[in-house]
């Protein structure tokens, strides 16, 4: 039920993901057109000309992502980053970049 509530309150948006080792060009957000959260994750120092190193979006080997918590887990497992670091990076978008407050994750 919580995931449904997260999707009903979701709005389009894209925010920087300030994740150590990935912060230069990485973004995350929500796309109401596909009904899914997403992340585009190029490693620092890599060009994203051919796309990001990791692209979490439906149809690219990932399911529809229905909550920020589900996206958090996918980012952590795809990048080998600690869950706490991903939580901090995503919450930075809520605190300083205008992401909706209900996207805030708990540690």
N, C-alpha and C. Protein backbone atom coordinates (compact mmCIF):
# COMPACT_ATOMS: atom_id res chain seq x y z
N UNK A 1 0.81 -1.18 0.00
CA UNK A 1 0.00 0.00 0.00
C UNK A 1 0.86 1.26 0.00
N UNK A 2 1.99 1.25 0.70
CA UNK A 2 2.86 2.42 0.73
C UNK A 2 3.38 2.77 -0.65
N UNK A 3 3.71 1.76 -1.47
CA UNK A 3 4.22 2.04 -2.80
C UNK A 3 3.16 2.72 -3.65
N UNK A 4 1.90 2.30 -3.53
CA UNK A 4 0.84 2.93 -4.30
C UNK A 4 0.70 4.39 -3.91
N UNK A 5 0.77 4.69 -2.62
CA UNK A 5 0.69 6.07 -2.15
C UNK A 5 1.85 6.88 -2.72
N UNK A 6 3.05 6.30 -2.73
CA UNK A 6 4.20 7.02 -3.28
C UNK A 6 3.98 7.36 -4.74
N UNK A 7 3.42 6.44 -5.51
CA UNK A 7 3.19 6.71 -6.93
C UNK A 7 2.08 7.73 -7.14
N UNK A 8 1.01 7.67 -6.33
CA UNK A 8 -0.09 8.61 -6.50
C UNK A 8 0.37 10.04 -6.22
N UNK A 9 1.31 10.21 -5.30
CA UNK A 9 1.79 11.54 -4.97
C UNK A 9 3.00 11.96 -5.78
N UNK A 10 3.42 11.12 -6.70
CA UNK A 10 4.64 11.39 -7.46
C UNK A 10 4.37 12.39 -8.57
N UNK A 11 5.35 13.22 -8.83
CA UNK A 11 5.29 14.13 -9.94
C UNK A 11 6.58 14.05 -10.71
N UNK A 12 6.54 14.45 -11.97
CA UNK A 12 7.76 14.42 -12.77
C UNK A 12 8.84 15.28 -12.12
N UNK A 13 10.05 14.86 -12.25
CA UNK A 13 11.17 15.62 -11.74
C UNK A 13 12.45 14.84 -11.92
N UNK A 14 13.57 15.57 -11.94
CA UNK A 14 14.88 14.95 -12.04
C UNK A 14 15.83 15.78 -11.19
N UNK A 15 16.63 15.09 -10.39
CA UNK A 15 17.52 15.75 -9.46
C UNK A 15 18.91 15.13 -9.53
N UNK A 16 19.92 15.94 -9.19
CA UNK A 16 21.29 15.43 -9.13
C UNK A 16 21.39 14.39 -8.02
N UNK A 17 22.19 13.36 -8.26
CA UNK A 17 22.46 12.34 -7.24
C UNK A 17 23.90 12.54 -6.79
N UNK A 18 24.06 13.14 -5.62
CA UNK A 18 25.38 13.48 -5.10
C UNK A 18 25.92 12.27 -4.34
N UNK A 19 26.33 11.27 -5.12
CA UNK A 19 26.78 9.98 -4.60
C UNK A 19 28.28 9.86 -4.84
N UNK A 20 29.09 9.69 -3.77
CA UNK A 20 30.54 9.62 -3.95
C UNK A 20 30.95 8.62 -5.03
N UNK A 21 31.78 9.11 -5.96
CA UNK A 21 32.26 8.30 -7.07
C UNK A 21 31.37 8.35 -8.29
N UNK A 22 30.17 8.92 -8.12
CA UNK A 22 29.18 8.96 -9.20
C UNK A 22 28.54 10.35 -9.33
N UNK A 23 28.96 11.31 -8.51
CA UNK A 23 28.23 12.57 -8.38
C UNK A 23 28.36 13.54 -9.54
N UNK A 24 29.34 13.38 -10.40
CA UNK A 24 29.56 14.38 -11.46
C UNK A 24 28.37 14.56 -12.39
N UNK A 25 27.76 13.48 -12.86
CA UNK A 25 26.69 13.57 -13.86
C UNK A 25 25.44 12.77 -13.49
N UNK A 26 25.43 12.10 -12.36
CA UNK A 26 24.32 11.21 -12.03
C UNK A 26 23.05 11.96 -11.65
N UNK A 27 21.91 11.38 -12.07
CA UNK A 27 20.61 11.95 -11.75
C UNK A 27 19.63 10.84 -11.37
N UNK A 28 18.55 11.24 -10.72
CA UNK A 28 17.45 10.33 -10.42
C UNK A 28 16.18 11.14 -10.46
N UNK A 29 15.06 10.45 -10.60
CA UNK A 29 13.80 11.17 -10.63
C UNK A 29 12.62 10.25 -10.84
N UNK A 30 11.50 10.89 -11.24
CA UNK A 30 10.26 10.16 -11.48
C UNK A 30 9.69 10.61 -12.82
N UNK A 31 9.24 9.65 -13.61
CA UNK A 31 8.64 9.93 -14.92
C UNK A 31 7.21 9.39 -14.91
N UNK A 32 6.23 10.30 -14.87
CA UNK A 32 4.84 9.86 -14.82
C UNK A 32 4.40 9.20 -16.13
N UNK A 33 5.09 9.48 -17.22
CA UNK A 33 4.77 8.86 -18.50
C UNK A 33 4.97 7.36 -18.50
N UNK A 34 5.98 6.90 -17.76
CA UNK A 34 6.23 5.46 -17.64
C UNK A 34 5.81 4.92 -16.28
N UNK A 35 5.43 5.83 -15.38
CA UNK A 35 4.99 5.42 -14.04
C UNK A 35 6.10 4.80 -13.23
N UNK A 36 7.30 5.37 -13.33
CA UNK A 36 8.44 4.74 -12.67
C UNK A 36 9.48 5.78 -12.24
N UNK A 37 10.13 5.48 -11.12
CA UNK A 37 11.34 6.21 -10.75
C UNK A 37 12.46 5.69 -11.64
N UNK A 38 13.52 6.48 -11.80
CA UNK A 38 14.64 6.11 -12.65
C UNK A 38 15.93 6.69 -12.09
N UNK A 39 17.06 6.21 -12.57
CA UNK A 39 18.37 6.78 -12.25
C UNK A 39 19.28 6.60 -13.45
N UNK A 40 20.06 7.63 -13.73
CA UNK A 40 21.10 7.57 -14.76
C UNK A 40 22.42 7.81 -14.04
N UNK A 41 23.32 6.82 -14.09
CA UNK A 41 24.48 6.80 -13.22
C UNK A 41 25.79 6.61 -13.97
N UNK A 42 26.40 7.68 -14.50
CA UNK A 42 27.75 7.55 -15.05
C UNK A 42 28.79 7.68 -13.92
N UNK A 43 29.78 6.83 -13.92
CA UNK A 43 30.87 6.96 -12.94
C UNK A 43 31.62 8.26 -13.20
N UNK A 44 32.15 8.83 -12.12
CA UNK A 44 32.99 10.02 -12.28
C UNK A 44 34.13 9.69 -13.24
N UNK A 45 34.41 10.60 -14.15
CA UNK A 45 35.48 10.42 -15.11
C UNK A 45 35.06 9.74 -16.40
N UNK A 46 33.90 9.12 -16.42
CA UNK A 46 33.39 8.49 -17.64
C UNK A 46 32.47 9.46 -18.37
N UNK A 47 32.52 9.42 -19.67
CA UNK A 47 31.61 10.21 -20.48
C UNK A 47 30.25 9.53 -20.50
N UNK A 48 29.20 10.33 -20.59
CA UNK A 48 27.89 9.72 -20.75
C UNK A 48 27.40 9.85 -22.19
N UNK A 49 28.33 10.09 -23.12
CA UNK A 49 27.98 10.23 -24.54
C UNK A 49 27.27 9.00 -25.08
N UNK A 50 27.65 7.82 -24.61
CA UNK A 50 27.02 6.58 -25.05
C UNK A 50 26.01 6.07 -24.03
N UNK A 51 25.59 6.94 -23.15
CA UNK A 51 24.66 6.56 -22.08
C UNK A 51 25.41 6.34 -20.78
N UNK A 52 24.70 6.32 -19.68
CA UNK A 52 25.34 6.14 -18.38
C UNK A 52 25.84 4.71 -18.18
N UNK A 53 26.75 4.54 -17.24
CA UNK A 53 27.24 3.19 -16.89
C UNK A 53 26.10 2.32 -16.38
N UNK A 54 25.23 2.91 -15.60
CA UNK A 54 24.05 2.21 -15.08
C UNK A 54 22.84 3.08 -15.38
N UNK A 55 21.83 2.49 -16.00
CA UNK A 55 20.60 3.22 -16.31
C UNK A 55 19.44 2.40 -15.78
N UNK A 56 18.93 2.82 -14.63
CA UNK A 56 17.81 2.12 -14.00
C UNK A 56 16.52 2.70 -14.55
N UNK A 57 15.91 1.95 -15.44
CA UNK A 57 14.65 2.35 -16.07
C UNK A 57 13.97 1.09 -16.57
N UNK A 58 12.64 1.06 -16.58
CA UNK A 58 11.96 -0.14 -17.08
C UNK A 58 12.37 -0.47 -18.51
N UNK A 59 12.56 -1.73 -18.77
CA UNK A 59 12.93 -2.18 -20.11
C UNK A 59 14.42 -2.25 -20.33
N UNK A 60 15.21 -1.79 -19.38
CA UNK A 60 16.66 -1.87 -19.49
C UNK A 60 17.19 -2.87 -18.48
N UNK A 61 16.45 -3.95 -18.30
CA UNK A 61 16.85 -4.96 -17.33
C UNK A 61 16.34 -4.69 -15.93
N UNK A 62 15.50 -3.69 -15.78
CA UNK A 62 14.95 -3.33 -14.48
C UNK A 62 13.43 -3.30 -14.55
N UNK A 63 12.77 -3.54 -13.41
CA UNK A 63 11.31 -3.48 -13.38
C UNK A 63 10.84 -2.02 -13.27
N UNK A 64 9.54 -1.81 -13.34
CA UNK A 64 8.98 -0.51 -12.99
C UNK A 64 9.33 -0.28 -11.52
N UNK A 65 9.89 0.87 -11.21
CA UNK A 65 10.32 1.19 -9.85
C UNK A 65 9.24 2.08 -9.23
N UNK A 66 8.56 1.55 -8.23
CA UNK A 66 7.37 2.22 -7.72
C UNK A 66 7.57 3.06 -6.47
N UNK A 67 8.77 3.08 -5.91
CA UNK A 67 9.00 3.88 -4.70
C UNK A 67 10.45 4.33 -4.63
N UNK A 68 10.70 5.43 -3.90
CA UNK A 68 12.08 5.84 -3.69
C UNK A 68 12.91 4.76 -2.98
N UNK A 69 12.30 4.02 -2.07
CA UNK A 69 13.03 2.96 -1.36
C UNK A 69 13.47 1.85 -2.32
N UNK A 70 12.63 1.51 -3.27
CA UNK A 70 12.99 0.49 -4.26
C UNK A 70 14.13 1.01 -5.13
N UNK A 71 14.07 2.28 -5.53
CA UNK A 71 15.15 2.87 -6.32
C UNK A 71 16.44 2.90 -5.52
N UNK A 72 16.35 3.27 -4.25
CA UNK A 72 17.52 3.30 -3.37
C UNK A 72 18.22 1.94 -3.37
N UNK A 73 17.46 0.87 -3.21
CA UNK A 73 18.04 -0.48 -3.17
C UNK A 73 18.69 -0.84 -4.50
N UNK A 74 18.05 -0.47 -5.61
CA UNK A 74 18.61 -0.77 -6.93
C UNK A 74 19.89 0.02 -7.19
N UNK A 75 19.92 1.28 -6.77
CA UNK A 75 21.14 2.09 -6.94
C UNK A 75 22.27 1.48 -6.12
N UNK A 76 22.00 1.14 -4.87
CA UNK A 76 23.03 0.56 -4.00
C UNK A 76 23.59 -0.73 -4.60
N UNK A 77 22.72 -1.61 -5.03
CA UNK A 77 23.20 -2.89 -5.57
C UNK A 77 23.89 -2.73 -6.92
N UNK A 78 23.45 -1.79 -7.73
CA UNK A 78 24.03 -1.60 -9.07
C UNK A 78 25.38 -0.90 -9.04
N UNK A 79 25.61 -0.08 -8.01
CA UNK A 79 26.85 0.68 -7.93
C UNK A 79 27.82 0.14 -6.89
N UNK A 80 27.37 -0.79 -6.05
CA UNK A 80 28.22 -1.29 -4.98
C UNK A 80 28.41 -0.28 -3.87
N UNK A 81 27.49 0.65 -3.76
CA UNK A 81 27.56 1.72 -2.77
C UNK A 81 26.72 1.34 -1.55
N UNK A 82 27.17 1.76 -0.38
CA UNK A 82 26.43 1.48 0.85
C UNK A 82 25.05 2.14 0.80
N UNK A 83 24.05 1.43 1.31
CA UNK A 83 22.69 1.94 1.32
C UNK A 83 22.60 3.29 2.02
N UNK A 84 23.34 3.46 3.11
CA UNK A 84 23.31 4.73 3.85
C UNK A 84 23.80 5.89 2.98
N UNK A 85 24.80 5.65 2.12
CA UNK A 85 25.30 6.69 1.23
C UNK A 85 24.26 7.05 0.16
N UNK A 86 23.55 6.05 -0.35
CA UNK A 86 22.50 6.31 -1.33
C UNK A 86 21.36 7.08 -0.67
N UNK A 87 21.01 6.70 0.55
CA UNK A 87 19.97 7.41 1.29
C UNK A 87 20.34 8.88 1.44
N UNK A 88 21.56 9.15 1.86
CA UNK A 88 22.03 10.52 2.03
C UNK A 88 21.97 11.29 0.72
N UNK A 89 22.40 10.68 -0.36
CA UNK A 89 22.41 11.35 -1.67
C UNK A 89 21.00 11.66 -2.14
N UNK A 90 20.08 10.72 -1.96
CA UNK A 90 18.69 10.97 -2.39
C UNK A 90 18.02 12.00 -1.49
N UNK A 91 18.29 11.96 -0.18
CA UNK A 91 17.71 12.94 0.72
C UNK A 91 18.26 14.34 0.47
N UNK A 92 19.48 14.44 -0.03
CA UNK A 92 20.05 15.73 -0.42
C UNK A 92 19.15 16.41 -1.44
N UNK A 93 18.60 15.63 -2.35
CA UNK A 93 17.69 16.19 -3.37
C UNK A 93 16.41 16.72 -2.73
N UNK A 94 15.94 16.04 -1.69
CA UNK A 94 14.74 16.50 -0.98
C UNK A 94 15.07 17.79 -0.22
N UNK A 95 16.20 17.80 0.47
CA UNK A 95 16.56 18.93 1.32
C UNK A 95 16.99 20.17 0.55
N UNK A 96 17.67 19.99 -0.58
CA UNK A 96 18.31 21.13 -1.24
C UNK A 96 17.97 21.34 -2.70
N UNK A 97 17.26 20.39 -3.32
CA UNK A 97 17.01 20.51 -4.75
C UNK A 97 15.54 20.55 -5.12
N UNK A 98 14.66 20.52 -4.14
CA UNK A 98 13.24 20.63 -4.43
C UNK A 98 12.51 19.34 -4.74
N UNK A 99 13.13 18.19 -4.49
CA UNK A 99 12.40 16.93 -4.65
C UNK A 99 11.29 16.90 -3.61
N UNK A 100 10.14 16.30 -3.93
CA UNK A 100 9.03 16.27 -2.98
C UNK A 100 9.41 15.66 -1.63
N UNK A 101 8.88 16.25 -0.57
CA UNK A 101 9.22 15.82 0.79
C UNK A 101 8.87 14.35 1.04
N UNK A 102 7.83 13.84 0.38
CA UNK A 102 7.45 12.44 0.63
C UNK A 102 8.41 11.45 -0.05
N UNK A 103 9.42 11.96 -0.76
CA UNK A 103 10.46 11.09 -1.31
C UNK A 103 11.57 10.84 -0.29
N UNK A 104 11.51 11.52 0.88
CA UNK A 104 12.55 11.36 1.90
C UNK A 104 12.61 9.91 2.37
N UNK A 105 13.84 9.42 2.47
CA UNK A 105 14.09 8.05 2.93
C UNK A 105 14.56 8.08 4.38
N UNK A 106 14.27 7.02 5.11
CA UNK A 106 14.77 6.91 6.47
C UNK A 106 16.03 6.04 6.45
N UNK A 107 16.90 6.33 7.38
CA UNK A 107 18.18 5.61 7.46
C UNK A 107 18.00 4.34 8.23
